[in-house]
Every structure is written in structure tokens, then in C-alpha cells.
PDB file of N, CA and C in Angstrom:
ATOM      1  N   MET A   1     -25.073  18.831 -21.611  1.00  0.00           N
ATOM      2  CA  MET A   1     -24.966  19.783 -20.747  1.00  0.00           C
ATOM      3  C   MET A   1     -24.078  20.548 -20.648  1.00  0.00           C
ATOM      4  N   ALA A   2     -23.425  21.551 -20.857  1.00  0.00           N
ATOM      5  CA  ALA A   2     -22.413  22.113 -20.496  1.00  0.00           C
ATOM      6  C   ALA A   2     -22.176  23.321 -19.633  1.00  0.00           C
ATOM      7  N   LYS A   3     -21.398  22.810 -18.819  1.00  0.00           N
ATOM      8  CA  LYS A   3     -20.873  23.639 -17.347  1.00  0.00           C
ATOM      9  C   LYS A   3     -20.631  24.775 -17.648  1.00  0.00           C
ATOM     10  N   ARG A   4     -21.497  25.804 -16.348  1.00  0.00           N
ATOM     11  CA  ARG A   4     -21.050  27.932 -16.585  1.00  0.00           C
ATOM     12  C   ARG A   4     -20.147  27.562 -15.888  1.00  0.00           C
ATOM     13  N   ARG A   5     -19.265  28.879 -16.317  1.00  0.00           N
ATOM     14  CA  ARG A   5     -18.164  28.891 -15.849  1.00  0.00           C
ATOM     15  C   ARG A   5     -18.982  30.032 -14.684  1.00  0.00           C
ATOM     16  N   SER A   6     -18.475  30.408 -13.250  1.00  0.00           N
ATOM     17  CA  SER A   6     -18.838  31.351 -12.581  1.00  0.00           C
ATOM     18  C   SER A   6     -18.444  32.865 -13.163  1.00  0.00           C
ATOM     19  N   ALA A   7     -19.622  33.585 -12.441  1.00  0.00           N
ATOM     20  CA  ALA A   7     -18.988  35.237 -12.863  1.00  0.00           C
ATOM     21  C   ALA A   7     -17.334  35.828 -12.456  1.00  0.00           C
ATOM     22  N   SER A   8     -16.930  35.028 -11.788  1.00  0.00           N
ATOM     23  CA  SER A   8     -15.460  35.364 -11.705  1.00  0.00           C
ATOM     24  C   SER A   8     -14.684  35.333 -12.531  1.00  0.00           C
ATOM     25  N   ALA A   9     -15.019  34.078 -12.913  1.00  0.00           N
ATOM     26  CA  ALA A   9     -13.788  33.145 -13.762  1.00  0.00           C
ATOM     27  C   ALA A   9     -13.587  33.775 -15.385  1.00  0.00           C
ATOM     28  N   LYS A  10     -12.280  34.273 -15.154  1.00  0.00           N
ATOM     29  CA  LYS A  10     -12.008  34.657 -16.946  1.00  0.00           C
ATOM     30  C   LYS A  10     -12.021  33.689 -17.585  1.00  0.00           C
ATOM     31  N   CYS A  11     -12.315  33.959 -19.403  1.00  0.00           N
ATOM     32  CA  CYS A  11     -12.020  33.500 -20.094  1.00  0.00           C
ATOM     33  C   CYS A  11     -11.981  34.303 -21.235  1.00  0.00           C
ATOM     34  N   CYS A  12     -11.534  33.906 -22.274  1.00  0.00           N
ATOM     35  CA  CYS A  12     -10.592  34.525 -23.441  1.00  0.00           C
ATOM     36  C   CYS A  12     -12.037  34.499 -23.990  1.00  0.00           C
ATOM     37  N   ASP A  13     -11.592  36.083 -25.070  1.00  0.00           N
ATOM     38  CA  ASP A  13     -12.841  36.374 -25.672  1.00  0.00           C
ATOM     39  C   ASP A  13     -12.356  36.663 -27.367  1.00  0.00           C
ATOM     40  N   ASP A  14     -12.900  36.625 -28.331  1.00  0.00           N
ATOM     41  CA  ASP A  14     -12.854  37.348 -29.506  1.00  0.00           C
ATOM     42  C   ASP A  14     -11.255  38.123 -29.904  1.00  0.00           C
ATOM     43  N   ALA A  15     -11.694  38.907 -29.108  1.00  0.00           N
ATOM     44  CA  ALA A  15     -10.877  40.263 -29.096  1.00  0.00           C
ATOM     45  C   ALA A  15      -9.505  40.184 -28.670  1.00  0.00           C
ATOM     46  N   SER A  16      -9.435  39.407 -27.751  1.00  0.00           N
ATOM     47  CA  SER A  16      -7.972  38.826 -27.051  1.00  0.00           C
ATOM     48  C   SER A  16      -7.507  37.965 -27.203  1.00  0.00           C
ATOM     49  N   PRO A  17      -6.559  36.943 -27.316  1.00  0.00           N
ATOM     50  CA  PRO A  17      -6.415  35.762 -27.733  1.00  0.00           C
ATOM     51  C   PRO A  17      -5.718  35.160 -26.478  1.00  0.00           C
ATOM     52  N   CYS A  18      -6.364  34.514 -25.851  1.00  0.00           N
ATOM     53  CA  CYS A  18      -5.526  33.831 -24.256  1.00  0.00           C
ATOM     54  C   CYS A  18      -4.176  32.825 -25.019  1.00  0.00           C
ATOM     55  N   VAL A  19      -3.269  33.141 -23.945  1.00  0.00           N
ATOM     56  CA  VAL A  19      -1.540  33.351 -24.141  1.00  0.00           C
ATOM     57  C   VAL A  19      -1.268  32.339 -22.819  1.00  0.00           C
ATOM     58  N   LEU A  20      -1.350  31.236 -23.252  1.00  0.00           N
ATOM     59  CA  LEU A  20      -0.415  30.662 -21.777  1.00  0.00           C
ATOM     60  C   LEU A  20       0.706  30.701 -21.988  1.00  0.00           C
ATOM     61  N   PRO A  21       0.830  30.514 -20.113  1.00  0.00           N
ATOM     62  CA  PRO A  21       2.253  31.202 -19.647  1.00  0.00           C
ATOM     63  C   PRO A  21       3.517  29.610 -20.108  1.00  0.00           C
ATOM     64  N   SER A  22       4.780  29.915 -20.179  1.00  0.00           N
ATOM     65  CA  SER A  22       5.305  28.609 -20.282  1.00  0.00           C
ATOM     66  C   SER A  22       5.919  28.251 -18.922  1.00  0.00           C
ATOM     67  N   ASP A  23       5.727  26.923 -19.381  1.00  0.00           N
ATOM     68  CA  ASP A  23       6.105  25.518 -17.916  1.00  0.00           C
ATOM     69  C   ASP A  23       6.947  24.796 -18.410  1.00  0.00           C
ATOM     70  N   GLN A  24       7.845  25.005 -17.548  1.00  0.00           N
ATOM     71  CA  GLN A  24       8.494  23.757 -17.638  1.00  0.00           C
ATOM     72  C   GLN A  24       8.266  22.341 -17.787  1.00  0.00           C
ATOM     73  N   SER A  25       7.528  22.356 -16.357  1.00  0.00           N
ATOM     74  CA  SER A  25       6.527  21.114 -16.240  1.00  0.00           C
ATOM     75  C   SER A  25       5.796  20.036 -16.954  1.00  0.00           C
ATOM     76  N   ALA A  26       5.299  20.840 -18.146  1.00  0.00           N
ATOM     77  CA  ALA A  26       4.274  20.656 -18.755  1.00  0.00           C
ATOM     78  C   ALA A  26       5.127  19.266 -19.560  1.00  0.00           C
ATOM     79  N   GLU A  27       6.403  19.277 -20.196  1.00  0.00           N
ATOM     80  CA  GLU A  27       7.057  18.307 -20.716  1.00  0.00           C
ATOM     81  C   GLU A  27       6.958  17.085 -19.767  1.00  0.00           C
ATOM     82  N   GLN A  28       7.626  17.159 -18.379  1.00  0.00           N
ATOM     83  CA  GLN A  28       7.686  16.011 -17.524  1.00  0.00           C
ATOM     84  C   GLN A  28       6.395  15.680 -17.609  1.00  0.00           C
ATOM     85  N   PHE A  29       5.038  16.837 -17.272  1.00  0.00           N
ATOM     86  CA  PHE A  29       3.964  16.038 -16.694  1.00  0.00           C
ATOM     87  C   PHE A  29       3.418  15.059 -17.725  1.00  0.00           C
ATOM     88  N   ALA A  30       3.590  15.393 -19.372  1.00  0.00           N
ATOM     89  CA  ALA A  30       3.199  14.765 -20.609  1.00  0.00           C
ATOM     90  C   ALA A  30       4.034  13.885 -20.746  1.00  0.00           C
ATOM     91  N   SER A  31       5.122  13.686 -20.060  1.00  0.00           N
ATOM     92  CA  SER A  31       5.730  12.094 -20.264  1.00  0.00           C
ATOM     93  C   SER A  31       5.515  11.479 -19.063  1.00  0.00           C
ATOM     94  N   LEU A  32       5.585  11.741 -18.218  1.00  0.00           N
ATOM     95  CA  LEU A  32       4.763  10.712 -16.907  1.00  0.00           C
ATOM     96  C   LEU A  32       3.507  10.493 -17.264  1.00  0.00           C
ATOM     97  N   ALA A  33       2.362  11.059 -17.771  1.00  0.00           N
ATOM     98  CA  ALA A  33       0.969  11.100 -17.723  1.00  0.00           C
ATOM     99  C   ALA A  33       1.468   9.731 -18.977  1.00  0.00           C
ATOM    100  N   TRP A  34       1.801  10.078 -20.466  1.00  0.00           N
ATOM    101  CA  TRP A  34       2.220   9.073 -21.340  1.00  0.00           C
ATOM    102  C   TRP A  34       2.615   7.595 -20.560  1.00  0.00           C
ATOM    103  N   ALA A  35       3.806   7.817 -20.216  1.00  0.00           N
ATOM    104  CA  ALA A  35       3.956   6.307 -19.234  1.00  0.00           C
ATOM    105  C   ALA A  35       2.660   5.825 -18.478  1.00  0.00           C
ATOM    106  N   LEU A  36       1.578   6.340 -17.933  1.00  0.00           N
ATOM    107  CA  LEU A  36       0.362   5.831 -17.729  1.00  0.00           C
ATOM    108  C   LEU A  36      -0.275   5.709 -18.045  1.00  0.00           C
ATOM    109  N   ALA A  37      -0.339   5.901 -19.821  1.00  0.00           N
ATOM    110  CA  ALA A  37      -1.601   6.258 -20.581  1.00  0.00           C
ATOM    111  C   ALA A  37      -2.023   4.621 -21.131  1.00  0.00           C
ATOM    112  N   HIS A  38      -1.654   3.876 -20.019  1.00  0.00           N
ATOM    113  CA  HIS A  38      -2.393   2.738 -20.147  1.00  0.00           C
ATOM    114  C   HIS A  38      -2.512   1.233 -19.495  1.00  0.00           C
ATOM    115  N   PRO A  39      -4.192   1.096 -19.415  1.00  0.00           N
ATOM    116  CA  PRO A  39      -4.161   0.272 -18.164  1.00  0.00           C
ATOM    117  C   PRO A  39      -2.860  -0.893 -17.683  1.00  0.00           C
ATOM    118  N   ALA A  40      -2.282  -1.407 -18.463  1.00  0.00           N
ATOM    119  CA  ALA A  40      -1.306  -2.688 -17.590  1.00  0.00           C
ATOM    120  C   ALA A  40      -0.179  -1.921 -17.154  1.00  0.00           C
ATOM    121  N   ARG A  41      -0.237  -0.757 -17.810  1.00  0.00           N
ATOM    122  CA  ARG A  41       1.160  -0.217 -16.962  1.00  0.00           C
ATOM    123  C   ARG A  41       0.921   0.964 -15.426  1.00  0.00           C
ATOM    124  N   VAL A  42      -0.549   1.405 -15.541  1.00  0.00           N
ATOM    125  CA  VAL A  42      -1.093   1.626 -14.147  1.00  0.00           C
ATOM    126  C   VAL A  42      -0.923   0.543 -12.550  1.00  0.00           C
ATOM    127  N   ARG A  43      -1.260  -0.692 -13.190  1.00  0.00           N
ATOM    128  CA  ARG A  43      -1.231  -1.907 -13.008  1.00  0.00           C
ATOM    129  C   ARG A  43       0.179  -2.662 -12.411  1.00  0.00           C
ATOM    130  N   ILE A  44       1.237  -2.184 -13.016  1.00  0.00           N
ATOM    131  CA  ILE A  44       2.566  -2.449 -12.853  1.00  0.00           C
ATOM    132  C   ILE A  44       2.633  -1.102 -11.870  1.00  0.00           C
ATOM    133  N   VAL A  45       2.857  -0.078 -12.107  1.00  0.00           N
ATOM    134  CA  VAL A  45       3.017   0.977 -11.506  1.00  0.00           C
ATOM    135  C   VAL A  45       2.321   0.604  -9.433  1.00  0.00           C
ATOM    136  N   ARG A  46       0.979  -0.002  -9.709  1.00  0.00           N
ATOM    137  CA  ARG A  46       0.255  -0.116  -8.363  1.00  0.00           C
ATOM    138  C   ARG A  46       1.231  -1.517  -7.644  1.00  0.00           C
ATOM    139  N   LEU A  47       1.569  -2.283  -8.878  1.00  0.00           N
ATOM    140  CA  LEU A  47       2.307  -3.601  -8.094  1.00  0.00           C
ATOM    141  C   LEU A  47       3.639  -2.790  -7.159  1.00  0.00           C
ATOM    142  N   LEU A  48       3.968  -2.244  -7.896  1.00  0.00           N
ATOM    143  CA  LEU A  48       5.398  -2.035  -8.069  1.00  0.00           C
ATOM    144  C   LEU A  48       5.688  -0.965  -6.483  1.00  0.00           C
ATOM    145  N   ILE A  49       4.527  -0.340  -6.431  1.00  0.00           N
ATOM    146  CA  ILE A  49       4.128   0.844  -5.081  1.00  0.00           C
ATOM    147  C   ILE A  49       3.880   0.026  -3.696  1.00  0.00           C
ATOM    148  N   SER A  50       3.083  -1.491  -4.101  1.00  0.00           N
ATOM    149  CA  SER A  50       2.576  -1.937  -2.481  1.00  0.00           C
ATOM    150  C   SER A  50       3.984  -2.893  -2.564  1.00  0.00           C
ATOM    151  N   ARG A  51       5.213  -2.583  -3.117  1.00  0.00           N
ATOM    152  CA  ARG A  51       6.033  -3.794  -2.301  1.00  0.00           C
ATOM    153  C   ARG A  51       6.644  -3.027  -2.097  1.00  0.00           C
ATOM    154  N   ASP A  52       7.579  -3.520  -0.844  1.00  0.00           N
ATOM    155  CA  ASP A  52       8.811  -2.859  -0.396  1.00  0.00           C
ATOM    156  C   ASP A  52      10.086  -3.046  -1.000  1.00  0.00           C
ATOM    157  N   THR A  53      10.081  -4.035  -1.956  1.00  0.00           N
ATOM    158  CA  THR A  53      11.381  -4.565  -2.641  1.00  0.00           C
ATOM    159  C   THR A  53      11.193  -4.509  -3.750  1.00  0.00           C
ATOM    160  N   CYS A  54      12.422  -4.839  -4.680  1.00  0.00           N
ATOM    161  CA  CYS A  54      12.013  -5.356  -5.772  1.00  0.00           C
ATOM    162  C   CYS A  54      11.658  -6.436  -6.297  1.00  0.00           C
ATOM    163  N   VAL A  55      10.890  -6.442  -7.383  1.00  0.00           N
ATOM    164  CA  VAL A  55      10.163  -7.060  -7.997  1.00  0.00           C
ATOM    165  C   VAL A  55      10.769  -8.204  -9.088  1.00  0.00           C
ATOM    166  N   CYS A  56      11.337  -8.950  -9.245  1.00  0.00           N
ATOM    167  CA  CYS A  56      11.690  -9.487 -10.515  1.00  0.00           C
ATOM    168  C   CYS A  56      10.021 -10.128 -11.287  1.00  0.00           C
ATOM    169  N   GLY A  57       9.992 -11.541 -11.033  1.00  0.00           N
ATOM    170  CA  GLY A  57       9.066 -12.280 -12.267  1.00  0.00           C
ATOM    171  C   GLY A  57       7.931 -12.500 -12.093  1.00  0.00           C
ATOM    172  N   GLU A  58       7.653 -11.584 -11.013  1.00  0.00           N
ATOM    173  CA  GLU A  58       6.279 -11.914  -9.927  1.00  0.00           C
ATOM    174  C   GLU A  58       5.525 -11.059 -11.164  1.00  0.00           C
ATOM    175  N   ILE A  59       5.642  -9.380 -11.616  1.00  0.00           N
ATOM    176  CA  ILE A  59       4.974  -8.744 -12.074  1.00  0.00           C
ATOM    177  C   ILE A  59       4.063  -9.704 -13.270  1.00  0.00           C
ATOM    178  N   VAL A  60       4.789 -10.536 -14.463  1.00  0.00           N
ATOM    179  CA  VAL A  60       4.330 -11.702 -15.371  1.00  0.00           C
ATOM    180  C   VAL A  60       3.423 -12.203 -14.281  1.00  0.00           C
ATOM    181  N   ASP A  61       3.393 -12.750 -13.472  1.00  0.00           N
ATOM    182  CA  ASP A  61       2.466 -13.566 -12.650  1.00  0.00           C
ATOM    183  C   ASP A  61       1.600 -12.784 -12.113  1.00  0.00           C
ATOM    184  N   GLU A  62       1.220 -11.438 -12.258  1.00  0.00           N
ATOM    185  CA  GLU A  62       0.459 -10.593 -11.711  1.00  0.00           C
ATOM    186  C   GLU A  62      -0.473 -10.468 -12.746  1.00  0.00           C
ATOM    187  N   MET A  63       0.255  -9.995 -14.401  1.00  0.00           N
ATOM    188  CA  MET A  63      -0.423  -9.834 -15.316  1.00  0.00           C
ATOM    189  C   MET A  63      -1.115 -10.936 -16.066  1.00  0.00           C
ATOM    190  N   PRO A  64      -2.298 -10.409 -16.413  1.00  0.00           N
ATOM    191  CA  PRO A  64      -2.934 -11.696 -17.803  1.00  0.00           C
ATOM    192  C   PRO A  64      -2.542 -10.945 -19.231  1.00  0.00           C
ATOM    193  N   LEU A  65      -1.032 -10.794 -19.246  1.00  0.00           N
ATOM    194  CA  LEU A  65       0.082 -10.730 -20.363  1.00  0.00           C
ATOM    195  C   LEU A  65       0.969 -11.772 -20.565  1.00  0.00           C
ATOM    196  N   ALA A  66       1.690 -11.504 -21.916  1.00  0.00           N
ATOM    197  CA  ALA A  66       2.611 -12.364 -22.171  1.00  0.00           C
ATOM    198  C   ALA A  66       3.907 -11.899 -21.237  1.00  0.00           C
ATOM    199  N   GLN A  67       5.408 -11.902 -21.657  1.00  0.00           N
ATOM    200  CA  GLN A  67       6.095 -11.557 -20.744  1.00  0.00           C
ATOM    201  C   GLN A  67       6.484 -10.658 -21.676  1.00  0.00           C
ATOM    202  N   SER A  68       6.560 -11.287 -22.685  1.00  0.00           N
ATOM    203  CA  SER A  68       6.874  -9.964 -24.213  1.00  0.00           C
ATOM    204  C   SER A  68       6.685  -8.897 -23.968  1.00  0.00           C
ATOM    205  N   THR A  69       4.849  -8.734 -23.703  1.00  0.00           N
ATOM    206  CA  THR A  69       3.829  -7.761 -23.528  1.00  0.00           C
ATOM    207  C   THR A  69       4.497  -6.726 -22.531  1.00  0.00           C
ATOM    208  N   VAL A  70       4.970  -8.098 -20.866  1.00  0.00           N
ATOM    209  CA  VAL A  70       5.088  -7.131 -19.815  1.00  0.00           C
ATOM    210  C   VAL A  70       6.124  -6.110 -19.818  1.00  0.00           C
ATOM    211  N   SER A  71       7.261  -7.214 -20.830  1.00  0.00           N
ATOM    212  CA  SER A  71       8.687  -6.064 -21.222  1.00  0.00           C
ATOM    213  C   SER A  71       8.337  -4.986 -21.856  1.00  0.00           C
ATOM    214  N   GLN A  72       7.464  -4.916 -22.433  1.00  0.00           N
ATOM    215  CA  GLN A  72       7.102  -3.430 -23.200  1.00  0.00           C
ATOM    216  C   GLN A  72       6.522  -2.451 -22.819  1.00  0.00           C
ATOM    217  N   HIS A  73       6.066  -2.855 -21.437  1.00  0.00           N
ATOM    218  CA  HIS A  73       5.390  -1.978 -20.709  1.00  0.00           C
ATOM    219  C   HIS A  73       6.528  -1.438 -19.881  1.00  0.00           C
ATOM    220  N   LEU A  74       7.257  -2.790 -19.363  1.00  0.00           N
ATOM    221  CA  LEU A  74       8.031  -1.735 -18.554  1.00  0.00           C
ATOM    222  C   LEU A  74       9.149  -1.066 -18.886  1.00  0.00           C
ATOM    223  N   LYS A  75       9.873  -1.588 -19.664  1.00  0.00           N
ATOM    224  CA  LYS A  75      10.463  -0.840 -20.702  1.00  0.00           C
ATOM    225  C   LYS A  75      10.084   0.538 -21.068  1.00  0.00           C
ATOM    226  N   ILE A  76       8.969   1.197 -21.202  1.00  0.00           N
ATOM    227  CA  ILE A  76       8.139   2.478 -21.367  1.00  0.00           C
ATOM    228  C   ILE A  76       8.379   3.017 -20.121  1.00  0.00           C
ATOM    229  N   LEU A  77       8.166   2.184 -19.273  1.00  0.00           N
ATOM    230  CA  LEU A  77       7.859   3.292 -17.836  1.00  0.00           C
ATOM    231  C   LEU A  77       9.090   3.000 -17.229  1.00  0.00           C
ATOM    232  N   LYS A  78      10.362   2.589 -17.923  1.00  0.00           N
ATOM    233  CA  LYS A  78      11.559   2.685 -17.203  1.00  0.00           C
ATOM    234  C   LYS A  78      12.594   3.998 -17.550  1.00  0.00           C
ATOM    235  N   GLU A  79      11.945   3.914 -19.500  1.00  0.00           N
ATOM    236  CA  GLU A  79      12.090   5.417 -19.937  1.00  0.00           C
ATOM    237  C   GLU A  79      11.394   7.004 -19.364  1.00  0.00           C
ATOM    238  N   SER A  80      10.272   6.721 -18.824  1.00  0.00           N
ATOM    239  CA  SER A  80       9.831   7.515 -17.894  1.00  0.00           C
ATOM    240  C   SER A  80      10.689   8.323 -16.860  1.00  0.00           C
ATOM    241  N   GLY A  81      11.373   7.150 -15.884  1.00  0.00           N
ATOM    242  CA  GLY A  81      12.260   6.798 -15.184  1.00  0.00           C
ATOM    243  C   GLY A  81      10.973   7.318 -13.803  1.00  0.00           C
ATOM    244  N   LEU A  82       9.767   6.289 -13.577  1.00  0.00           N
ATOM    245  CA  LEU A  82       8.763   5.969 -12.539  1.00  0.00           C
ATOM    246  C   LEU A  82       9.232   4.371 -12.061  1.00  0.00           C
ATOM    247  N   VAL A  83      10.150   3.957 -13.066  1.00  0.00           N
ATOM    248  CA  VAL A  83      10.922   2.804 -13.099  1.00  0.00           C
ATOM    249  C   VAL A  83      11.735   2.286 -12.834  1.00  0.00           C
ATOM    250  N   GLN A  84      12.672   1.797 -11.777  1.00  0.00           N
ATOM    251  CA  GLN A  84      14.167   1.345 -11.458  1.00  0.00           C
ATOM    252  C   GLN A  84      13.883  -0.145 -12.037  1.00  0.00           C
ATOM    253  N   GLY A  85      15.345  -0.075 -13.210  1.00  0.00           N
ATOM    254  CA  GLY A  85      15.644  -1.696 -12.633  1.00  0.00           C
ATOM    255  C   GLY A  85      16.695  -2.033 -12.650  1.00  0.00           C
ATOM    256  N   GLU A  86      16.899  -2.799 -11.996  1.00  0.00           N
ATOM    257  CA  GLU A  86      18.349  -3.393 -11.585  1.00  0.00           C
ATOM    258  C   GLU A  86      18.565  -4.842 -11.849  1.00  0.00           C
ATOM    259  N   VAL A  87      19.998  -5.229 -12.750  1.00  0.00           N
ATOM    260  CA  VAL A  87      20.466  -6.594 -13.043  1.00  0.00           C
ATOM    261  C   VAL A  87      20.362  -7.066 -12.208  1.00  0.00           C
ATOM    262  N   ASP A  88      19.780  -8.662 -11.026  1.00  0.00           N
ATOM    263  CA  ASP A  88      20.451  -9.198 -10.299  1.00  0.00           C
ATOM    264  C   ASP A  88      20.509 -10.767 -10.739  1.00  0.00           C
ATOM    265  N   GLY A  89      21.816 -10.741 -11.206  1.00  0.00           N
ATOM    266  CA  GLY A  89      22.132 -12.371 -11.926  1.00  0.00           C
ATOM    267  C   GLY A  89      21.095 -12.030 -13.429  1.00  0.00           C
ATOM    268  N   PRO A  90      21.107 -13.273 -13.351  1.00  0.00           N
ATOM    269  CA  PRO A  90      19.860 -13.968 -14.948  1.00  0.00           C
ATOM    270  C   PRO A  90      18.952 -12.809 -14.535  1.00  0.00           C
ATOM    271  N   LYS A  91      18.146 -12.323 -13.927  1.00  0.00           N
ATOM    272  CA  LYS A  91      16.801 -11.295 -13.430  1.00  0.00           C
ATOM    273  C   LYS A  91      17.397 -10.042 -13.441  1.00  0.00           C
ATOM    274  N   VAL A  92      16.379  -9.425 -13.758  1.00  0.00           N
ATOM    275  CA  VAL A  92      16.325  -8.149 -13.747  1.00  0.00           C
ATOM    276  C   VAL A  92      15.114  -7.253 -12.500  1.00  0.00           C
ATOM    277  N   CYS A  93      15.375  -6.913 -11.366  1.00  0.00           N
ATOM    278  CA  CYS A  93      14.869  -6.327 -10.458  1.00  0.00           C
ATOM    279  C   CYS A  93      13.519  -5.251 -10.465  1.00  0.00           C
ATOM    280  N   TYR A  94      12.784  -4.785 -10.550  1.00  0.00           N
ATOM    281  CA  TYR A  94      11.884  -3.699 -10.284  1.00  0.00           C
ATOM    282  C   TYR A  94      11.793  -2.543  -9.359  1.00  0.00           C
ATOM    283  N   CYS A  95      11.383  -1.382  -9.216  1.00  0.00           N
ATOM    284  CA  CYS A  95      11.335  -0.767  -8.402  1.00  0.00           C
ATOM    285  C   CYS A  95      10.680   0.374  -8.882  1.00  0.00           C
ATOM    286  N   ILE A  96       9.613   0.915  -8.006  1.00  0.00           N
ATOM    287  CA  ILE A  96       9.063   2.485  -8.169  1.00  0.00           C
ATOM    288  C   ILE A  96      10.617   3.279  -8.312  1.00  0.00           C
ATOM    289  N   ASN A  97      10.527   4.533  -8.938  1.00  0.00           N
ATOM    290  CA  ASN A  97      11.115   5.448  -8.835  1.00  0.00           C
ATOM    291  C   ASN A  97      11.283   6.759  -7.711  1.00  0.00           C
ATOM    292  N   PRO A  98      10.576   6.747  -5.831  1.00  0.00           N
ATOM    293  CA  PRO A  98      10.209   7.580  -5.345  1.00  0.00           C
ATOM    294  C   PRO A  98      10.497   9.054  -5.467  1.00  0.00           C
ATOM    295  N   GLU A  99      11.411   9.046  -6.373  1.00  0.00           N
ATOM    296  CA  GLU A  99      11.486  10.761  -6.286  1.00  0.00           C
ATOM    297  C   GLU A  99      10.987  11.241  -7.955  1.00  0.00           C
ATOM    298  N   LYS A 100      10.299  10.099  -8.781  1.00  0.00           N
ATOM    299  CA  LYS A 100       9.557  10.419  -9.918  1.00  0.00           C
ATOM    300  C   LYS A 100       8.138  10.504 -10.070  1.00  0.00           C
ATOM    301  N   LEU A 101       7.833   9.452  -8.616  1.00  0.00           N
ATOM    302  CA  LEU A 101       6.441   9.298  -8.371  1.00  0.00           C
ATOM    303  C   LEU A 101       6.617  10.703  -7.732  1.00  0.00           C
ATOM    304  N   ALA A 102       6.799  11.057  -6.892  1.00  0.00           N
ATOM    305  CA  ALA A 102       7.054  12.352  -5.776  1.00  0.00           C
ATOM    306  C   ALA A 102       6.782  12.893  -7.080  1.00  0.00           C
ATOM    307  N   MET A 103       7.397  13.560  -7.976  1.00  0.00           N
ATOM    308  CA  MET A 103       7.036  14.134  -8.953  1.00  0.00           C
ATOM    309  C   MET A 103       5.578  14.442  -9.507  1.00  0.00           C
ATOM    310  N   LEU A 104       5.473  12.754  -9.995  1.00  0.00           N
ATOM    311  CA  LEU A 104       4.164  13.143 -10.268  1.00  0.00           C
ATOM    312  C   LEU A 104       2.909  13.148  -9.374  1.00  0.00           C
ATOM    313  N   LYS A 105       2.677  12.891  -8.590  1.00  0.00           N
ATOM    314  CA  LYS A 105       2.037  13.730  -7.551  1.00  0.00           C
ATOM    315  C   LYS A 105       2.189  15.148  -7.483  1.00  0.00           C
ATOM    316  N   SER A 106       3.552  15.311  -7.369  1.00  0.00           N
ATOM    317  CA  SER A 106       2.958  17.244  -6.793  1.00  0.00           C
ATOM    318  C   SER A 106       2.336  17.816  -8.737  1.00  0.00           C
ATOM    319  N   LEU A 107       2.904  17.462  -9.900  1.00  0.00           N
ATOM    320  CA  LEU A 107       2.842  17.520 -10.915  1.00  0.00           C
ATOM    321  C   LEU A 107       0.712  18.007 -10.737  1.00  0.00           C
ATOM    322  N   VAL A 108       0.337  16.501 -10.377  1.00  0.00           N
ATOM    323  CA  VAL A 108      -0.940  16.269 -10.833  1.00  0.00           C
ATOM    324  C   VAL A 108      -1.680  17.333  -9.654  1.00  0.00           C
ATOM    325  N   ALA A 109      -0.967  17.542  -8.468  1.00  0.00           N
ATOM    326  CA  ALA A 109      -1.575  18.282  -7.738  1.00  0.00           C
ATOM    327  C   ALA A 109      -1.662  19.741  -7.727  1.00  0.00           C
ATOM    328  N   SER A 110      -0.462  20.177  -8.979  1.00  0.00           N
ATOM    329  CA  SER A 110      -0.769  21.283  -8.983  1.00  0.00           C
ATOM    330  C   SER A 110      -1.808  21.816 -10.746  1.00  0.00           C
ATOM    331  N   LEU A 111      -2.352  20.658 -11.088  1.00  0.00           N
ATOM    332  CA  LEU A 111      -3.258  21.072 -12.099  1.00  0.00           C
ATOM    333  C   LEU A 111      -4.308  21.869 -11.670  1.00  0.00           C
TER     334      LEU A 111
END
């Protein structure tokens, strides 16, 4: 069953096509949303948000996935900027990037 728009809501008609305004944030939003478009990556982000310090091997311990699969998910999250990785000897410690997280929250709120 389709929802009806309120009488005051504007929508496009066939006589005048809709033109969406240019929005620079749309590309940023799409990139961050794609980075979170897998349940494993959402779980990783939630894990990192819940920790005050960087997390190394514990990510793999918390996930029902192979280490190589977790590494691929971390790579995608790092490419988006949501996650930062810092080399600590033979390990890489991961943490959430608070600026990118704030940007994501702002973009979601602006929908």
C-alpha cells in the first residue's frame, strides 16, 4: 500500500521535470554509506566506537570471520576515512576517526 503525500508536499509532475540541486556532500555521504554497507563493517565500527583506545588483534577475535576477511573490511573502512590505522611494531592498531564519524552523523541528520 503506497503512502500518500500531504496536500502541502510538492512533487514533480510531467509538465515540469524535477531538478535536484547540486550537493557537494552527496559524494561524501555515498562514500561513507558504502563503507558501512556490510554488516561486518558496521560491527567493526561499533566495536571501535565502544573502545577508548586503539584495537589490534581483538577485532578478529570479536568477528566470526577469517583474519583475511576482517583485513579486507578494515581496508575499506580505512579508505573511507572512518577508521584510522597506526603501525605499532608488528601490529596495526585501529581506531575510529572522530571527525569522519561526526561528518557521517551530520550527513545522516541532514536527510
